[in-house]
Structure formats: structure tokens, C-alpha cells
Amino acid sequence: MRKRFSDLDSTWPAGLTRRLGAMIYDLLIIVAIWMLLGFVAVAMNQGEANESPLFHSVLFVATFAFFAFFWMRGGMTLGMQAWRLRVENHDGTPITLVQSLLRFLAAGLSFAACGLGYVWILFDRHQRSWSDIVSNSRVVVLPKSSGKTRRRNKSD
């Protein structure tokens, strides 16, 4: 039995602004990962830049692995956590590896089409992007935590 997220009744579909905010946060992390991989590639290439198809494939796989790991594990990348977003199936379960791949590829297509796949959110009745439609999943906004913030004891 697959794990199911809680608080399903208190979520609502994510709009374009929140999604773009989360994308910007995640882009910063992805650029850092690419830089790290670039440094490793240059070091392995005796100080020369390598623009080989293999290197680009490694960047592609690393980028997909970043998103797939977070989407499948808790439904949220680090940027999505900051904006209180979660990707999930319609029954509240985390998405699968195949769904992650479909989301990732549809996101690339959405950007290649000058962002049209995300602008689609403004016209879709359920505020779905192309990634949501293709992967049969959704992105929801989580409610603010209702509990009081925990104060640290002096002994902590």
C-alpha cells in the first residue's frame, strides 16, 4: 500500500505565481548542481572544458534525478517547500517514477514553447499545467501550519 499524504481536504490547486516562485528557487539549486558537475568534468579533463554529448547527458540525468527524488519522496522540491506546494496524484499519493519522467519531459516542452505549458494554468478550469495533464497529477497549495511555533528551551 502506498503512503498517502495528509491534509487533502485543506489543499487547493496551485496558481501560476506560486509555481513560478518555486521554479526560481529550484533553478538556483539546479545551477549549483550543474556548476559542481562542471567543476568535476573540468578536473577530470585536465583543466579543459568538455562540451561532449556525454556531459550534457549527465546534466540532464542529474536534473531529472533531483526532481524525481523529491517528487516521489515527499511531493516537494526545496523550492516547492518554500512556497508550500506539493505534487501528488488525485488520490493523495506520491507520484511514481514514470509520472516524474512524464512531468519532467512535459516541463521541458512547456519551456521550449515559450512557457505556454505553464500559461495554460490561467485557462484550465482546474489550474493544470501541461505537466499535470500529461502525468495525470496535480500541484496543490498546502495550508499554513496551524500549530504554534516551538520555542527553544534554554537547555536545548
C-alpha atoms as a PDB file:
ATOM      1  CA  MET A   1       0.000   0.000   0.000  1.00  0.00           C
ATOM      2  CA  ARG A   2       1.364   3.375  -0.996  1.00  0.00           C
ATOM      3  CA  LYS A   3       1.682   6.128   1.546  1.00  0.00           C
ATOM      4  CA  ARG A   4      -0.948   8.834   1.348  1.00  0.00           C
ATOM      5  CA  PHE A   5      -0.407  12.497   2.144  1.00  0.00           C
ATOM      6  CA  SER A   6      -2.440  14.041   4.932  1.00  0.00           C
ATOM      7  CA  ASP A   7      -4.462  17.279   4.891  1.00  0.00           C
ATOM      8  CA  LEU A   8      -6.005  16.561   1.474  1.00  0.00           C
ATOM      9  CA  ASP A   9      -9.204  18.435   2.335  1.00  0.00           C
ATOM     10  CA  SER A  10      -7.379  21.657   3.165  1.00  0.00           C
ATOM     11  CA  THR A  11      -5.387  21.996  -0.083  1.00  0.00           C
ATOM     12  CA  TRP A  12      -6.282  23.854  -3.263  1.00  0.00           C
ATOM     13  CA  PRO A  13      -4.857  23.978  -6.812  1.00  0.00           C
ATOM     14  CA  ALA A  14      -1.636  25.945  -7.171  1.00  0.00           C
ATOM     15  CA  GLY A  15      -1.695  29.034  -9.349  1.00  0.00           C
ATOM     16  CA  LEU A  16       0.900  30.297 -11.779  1.00  0.00           C
ATOM     17  CA  THR A  17       2.602  32.818  -9.464  1.00  0.00           C
ATOM     18  CA  ARG A  18       3.402  30.304  -6.727  1.00  0.00           C
ATOM     19  CA  ARG A  19       4.652  27.773  -9.234  1.00  0.00           C
ATOM     20  CA  LEU A  20       6.950  30.315 -10.870  1.00  0.00           C
ATOM     21  CA  GLY A  21       8.298  31.304  -7.455  1.00  0.00           C
ATOM     22  CA  ALA A  22       9.111  27.676  -6.646  1.00  0.00           C
ATOM     23  CA  MET A  23      10.711  27.234 -10.080  1.00  0.00           C
ATOM     24  CA  ILE A  24      13.043  30.159  -9.474  1.00  0.00           C
ATOM     25  CA  TYR A  25      14.139  28.695  -6.131  1.00  0.00           C
ATOM     26  CA  ASP A  26      14.715  25.278  -7.716  1.00  0.00           C
ATOM     27  CA  LEU A  27      16.580  26.839 -10.641  1.00  0.00           C
ATOM     28  CA  LEU A  28      19.165  28.234  -8.212  1.00  0.00           C
ATOM     29  CA  ILE A  29      19.727  24.751  -6.791  1.00  0.00           C
ATOM     30  CA  ILE A  30      19.933  23.183 -10.255  1.00  0.00           C
ATOM     31  CA  VAL A  31      22.510  25.762 -11.377  1.00  0.00           C
ATOM     32  CA  ALA A  32      24.590  24.923  -8.293  1.00  0.00           C
ATOM     33  CA  ILE A  33      24.397  21.206  -9.159  1.00  0.00           C
ATOM     34  CA  TRP A  34      25.401  21.946 -12.766  1.00  0.00           C
ATOM     35  CA  MET A  35      28.346  24.042 -11.571  1.00  0.00           C
ATOM     36  CA  LEU A  36      29.526  21.240  -9.302  1.00  0.00           C
ATOM     37  CA  LEU A  37      29.269  18.719 -12.135  1.00  0.00           C
ATOM     38  CA  GLY A  38      31.089  21.157 -14.423  1.00  0.00           C
ATOM     39  CA  PHE A  39      33.933  21.517 -11.935  1.00  0.00           C
ATOM     40  CA  VAL A  40      34.208  17.732 -11.700  1.00  0.00           C
ATOM     41  CA  ALA A  41      34.177  17.404 -15.502  1.00  0.00           C
ATOM     42  CA  VAL A  42      36.902  20.043 -15.922  1.00  0.00           C
ATOM     43  CA  ALA A  43      39.010  18.394 -13.223  1.00  0.00           C
ATOM     44  CA  MET A  44      38.654  15.025 -14.925  1.00  0.00           C
ATOM     45  CA  ASN A  45      39.538  16.600 -18.272  1.00  0.00           C
ATOM     46  CA  GLN A  46      42.871  18.074 -17.089  1.00  0.00           C
ATOM     47  CA  GLY A  47      41.522  21.606 -16.846  1.00  0.00           C
ATOM     48  CA  GLU A  48      39.789  21.835 -20.206  1.00  0.00           C
ATOM     49  CA  ALA A  49      36.093  22.386 -20.732  1.00  0.00           C
ATOM     50  CA  ASN A  50      34.261  19.467 -22.250  1.00  0.00           C
ATOM     51  CA  GLU A  51      31.116  20.112 -24.272  1.00  0.00           C
ATOM     52  CA  SER A  52      30.557  16.476 -25.155  1.00  0.00           C
ATOM     53  CA  PRO A  53      27.124  14.879 -25.515  1.00  0.00           C
ATOM     54  CA  LEU A  54      28.049  12.667 -22.566  1.00  0.00           C
ATOM     55  CA  PHE A  55      28.462  15.703 -20.300  1.00  0.00           C
ATOM     56  CA  HIS A  56      25.108  17.116 -21.412  1.00  0.00           C
ATOM     57  CA  SER A  57      23.518  13.730 -20.776  1.00  0.00           C
ATOM     58  CA  VAL A  58      24.948  13.723 -17.257  1.00  0.00           C
ATOM     59  CA  LEU A  59      23.463  17.183 -16.643  1.00  0.00           C
ATOM     60  CA  PHE A  60      20.085  16.004 -17.951  1.00  0.00           C
ATOM     61  CA  VAL A  61      20.068  12.869 -15.783  1.00  0.00           C
ATOM     62  CA  ALA A  62      21.229  14.779 -12.692  1.00  0.00           C
ATOM     63  CA  THR A  63      18.487  17.362 -13.173  1.00  0.00           C
ATOM     64  CA  PHE A  64      15.843  14.666 -13.597  1.00  0.00           C
ATOM     65  CA  ALA A  65      17.176  12.770 -10.574  1.00  0.00           C
ATOM     66  CA  PHE A  66      16.876  15.909  -8.428  1.00  0.00           C
ATOM     67  CA  PHE A  67      13.227  16.423  -9.312  1.00  0.00           C
ATOM     68  CA  ALA A  68      12.224  12.753  -9.310  1.00  0.00           C
ATOM     69  CA  PHE A  69      13.792  12.161  -5.889  1.00  0.00           C
ATOM     70  CA  PHE A  70      11.877  14.981  -4.232  1.00  0.00           C
ATOM     71  CA  TRP A  71       8.600  14.466  -6.104  1.00  0.00           C
ATOM     72  CA  MET A  72       8.478  10.748  -5.310  1.00  0.00           C
ATOM     73  CA  ARG A  73       9.680  11.061  -1.728  1.00  0.00           C
ATOM     74  CA  GLY A  74       7.565  13.848  -0.280  1.00  0.00           C
ATOM     75  CA  GLY A  75       5.966  15.522  -3.258  1.00  0.00           C
ATOM     76  CA  MET A  76       8.030  18.681  -2.809  1.00  0.00           C
ATOM     77  CA  THR A  77      11.306  20.010  -4.116  1.00  0.00           C
ATOM     78  CA  LEU A  78      13.101  22.534  -1.932  1.00  0.00           C
ATOM     79  CA  GLY A  79      11.546  25.403  -3.893  1.00  0.00           C
ATOM     80  CA  MET A  80       8.110  23.844  -3.539  1.00  0.00           C
ATOM     81  CA  GLN A  81       8.612  23.578   0.226  1.00  0.00           C
ATOM     82  CA  ALA A  82       9.340  27.306   0.431  1.00  0.00           C
ATOM     83  CA  TRP A  83       6.138  28.095  -1.480  1.00  0.00           C
ATOM     84  CA  ARG A  84       4.069  25.385   0.304  1.00  0.00           C
ATOM     85  CA  LEU A  85       3.414  23.387  -2.869  1.00  0.00           C
ATOM     86  CA  ARG A  86       3.152  19.637  -3.310  1.00  0.00           C
ATOM     87  CA  VAL A  87       2.791  17.437  -6.390  1.00  0.00           C
ATOM     88  CA  GLU A  88       0.563  14.434  -5.859  1.00  0.00           C
ATOM     89  CA  ASN A  89      -1.811  12.028  -7.515  1.00  0.00           C
ATOM     90  CA  HIS A  90      -5.513  12.823  -7.368  1.00  0.00           C
ATOM     91  CA  ASP A  91      -5.930  10.259  -4.570  1.00  0.00           C
ATOM     92  CA  GLY A  92      -3.274  11.975  -2.457  1.00  0.00           C
ATOM     93  CA  THR A  93      -0.418   9.526  -3.036  1.00  0.00           C
ATOM     94  CA  PRO A  94       3.081  10.485  -4.213  1.00  0.00           C
ATOM     95  CA  ILE A  95       3.747  10.273  -7.935  1.00  0.00           C
ATOM     96  CA  THR A  96       5.675   7.367  -9.455  1.00  0.00           C
ATOM     97  CA  LEU A  97       8.962   7.322 -11.365  1.00  0.00           C
ATOM     98  CA  VAL A  98       7.108   7.153 -14.697  1.00  0.00           C
ATOM     99  CA  GLN A  99       4.929  10.110 -13.711  1.00  0.00           C
ATOM    100  CA  SER A 100       8.047  12.002 -12.653  1.00  0.00           C
ATOM    101  CA  LEU A 101       9.620  11.380 -16.046  1.00  0.00           C
ATOM    102  CA  LEU A 102       6.457  12.487 -17.843  1.00  0.00           C
ATOM    103  CA  ARG A 103       6.273  15.657 -15.688  1.00  0.00           C
ATOM    104  CA  PHE A 104       9.926  16.417 -16.323  1.00  0.00           C
ATOM    105  CA  LEU A 105       9.688  15.967 -20.103  1.00  0.00           C
ATOM    106  CA  ALA A 106       6.431  17.952 -20.309  1.00  0.00           C
ATOM    107  CA  ALA A 107       8.056  20.753 -18.302  1.00  0.00           C
ATOM    108  CA  GLY A 108      10.883  20.893 -20.824  1.00  0.00           C
ATOM    109  CA  LEU A 109       8.369  21.047 -23.653  1.00  0.00           C
ATOM    110  CA  SER A 110       6.449  23.759 -21.791  1.00  0.00           C
ATOM    111  CA  PHE A 111       9.561  25.923 -21.549  1.00  0.00           C
ATOM    112  CA  ALA A 112      10.516  25.204 -25.158  1.00  0.00           C
ATOM    113  CA  ALA A 113       7.080  26.512 -26.158  1.00  0.00           C
ATOM    114  CA  CYS A 114       7.923  29.877 -24.530  1.00  0.00           C
ATOM    115  CA  GLY A 115       6.240  28.899 -21.275  1.00  0.00           C
ATOM    116  CA  LEU A 116       2.889  28.114 -22.884  1.00  0.00           C
ATOM    117  CA  GLY A 117       2.559  24.916 -20.859  1.00  0.00           C
ATOM    118  CA  TYR A 118       2.543  26.982 -17.674  1.00  0.00           C
ATOM    119  CA  VAL A 119       0.431  29.839 -19.018  1.00  0.00           C
ATOM    120  CA  TRP A 120      -2.106  27.079 -19.674  1.00  0.00           C
ATOM    121  CA  ILE A 121      -2.819  27.184 -15.909  1.00  0.00           C
ATOM    122  CA  LEU A 122      -4.595  30.501 -16.407  1.00  0.00           C
ATOM    123  CA  PHE A 123      -7.074  28.961 -18.855  1.00  0.00           C
ATOM    124  CA  ASP A 124      -7.547  25.466 -17.426  1.00  0.00           C
ATOM    125  CA  ARG A 125     -10.607  25.041 -15.211  1.00  0.00           C
ATOM    126  CA  HIS A 126      -8.574  23.013 -12.677  1.00  0.00           C
ATOM    127  CA  GLN A 127      -5.421  25.180 -12.947  1.00  0.00           C
ATOM    128  CA  ARG A 128      -3.401  22.378 -14.525  1.00  0.00           C
ATOM    129  CA  SER A 129      -0.186  22.815 -16.468  1.00  0.00           C
ATOM    130  CA  TRP A 130       0.838  20.565 -19.332  1.00  0.00           C
ATOM    131  CA  SER A 131       2.990  18.643 -16.836  1.00  0.00           C
ATOM    132  CA  ASP A 132      -0.046  17.992 -14.648  1.00  0.00           C
ATOM    133  CA  ILE A 133      -2.157  16.842 -17.578  1.00  0.00           C
ATOM    134  CA  VAL A 134       0.490  14.574 -19.119  1.00  0.00           C
ATOM    135  CA  SER A 135       1.443  12.939 -15.808  1.00  0.00           C
ATOM    136  CA  ASN A 136      -2.145  12.753 -14.508  1.00  0.00           C
ATOM    137  CA  SER A 137      -1.131  14.504 -11.284  1.00  0.00           C
ATOM    138  CA  ARG A 138      -1.715  17.877  -9.665  1.00  0.00           C
ATOM    139  CA  VAL A 139       0.128  20.572  -7.750  1.00  0.00           C
ATOM    140  CA  VAL A 140      -1.620  21.839  -4.644  1.00  0.00           C
ATOM    141  CA  VAL A 141      -1.017  24.605  -2.122  1.00  0.00           C
ATOM    142  CA  LEU A 142      -0.651  23.400   1.448  1.00  0.00           C
ATOM    143  CA  PRO A 143      -2.241  25.328   4.308  1.00  0.00           C
ATOM    144  CA  LYS A 144      -0.035  27.233   6.697  1.00  0.00           C
ATOM    145  CA  SER A 145       0.925  25.165   9.708  1.00  0.00           C
ATOM    146  CA  SER A 146      -1.722  25.628  12.352  1.00  0.00           C
ATOM    147  CA  GLY A 147       0.430  24.800  15.358  1.00  0.00           C
ATOM    148  CA  LYS A 148       2.280  27.395  17.383  1.00  0.00           C
ATOM    149  CA  THR A 149       5.960  27.599  16.661  1.00  0.00           C
ATOM    150  CA  ARG A 150       8.027  25.637  19.103  1.00  0.00           C
ATOM    151  CA  ARG A 151      10.135  27.777  21.387  1.00  0.00           C
ATOM    152  CA  ARG A 152      13.555  26.505  22.259  1.00  0.00           C
ATOM    153  CA  ASN A 153      14.222  25.720  25.875  1.00  0.00           C
ATOM    154  CA  LYS A 154      17.378  27.102  27.367  1.00  0.00           C
ATOM    155  CA  SER A 155      18.546  23.515  27.796  1.00  0.00           C
ATOM    156  CA  ASP A 156      18.157  22.748  24.017  1.00  0.00           C
END
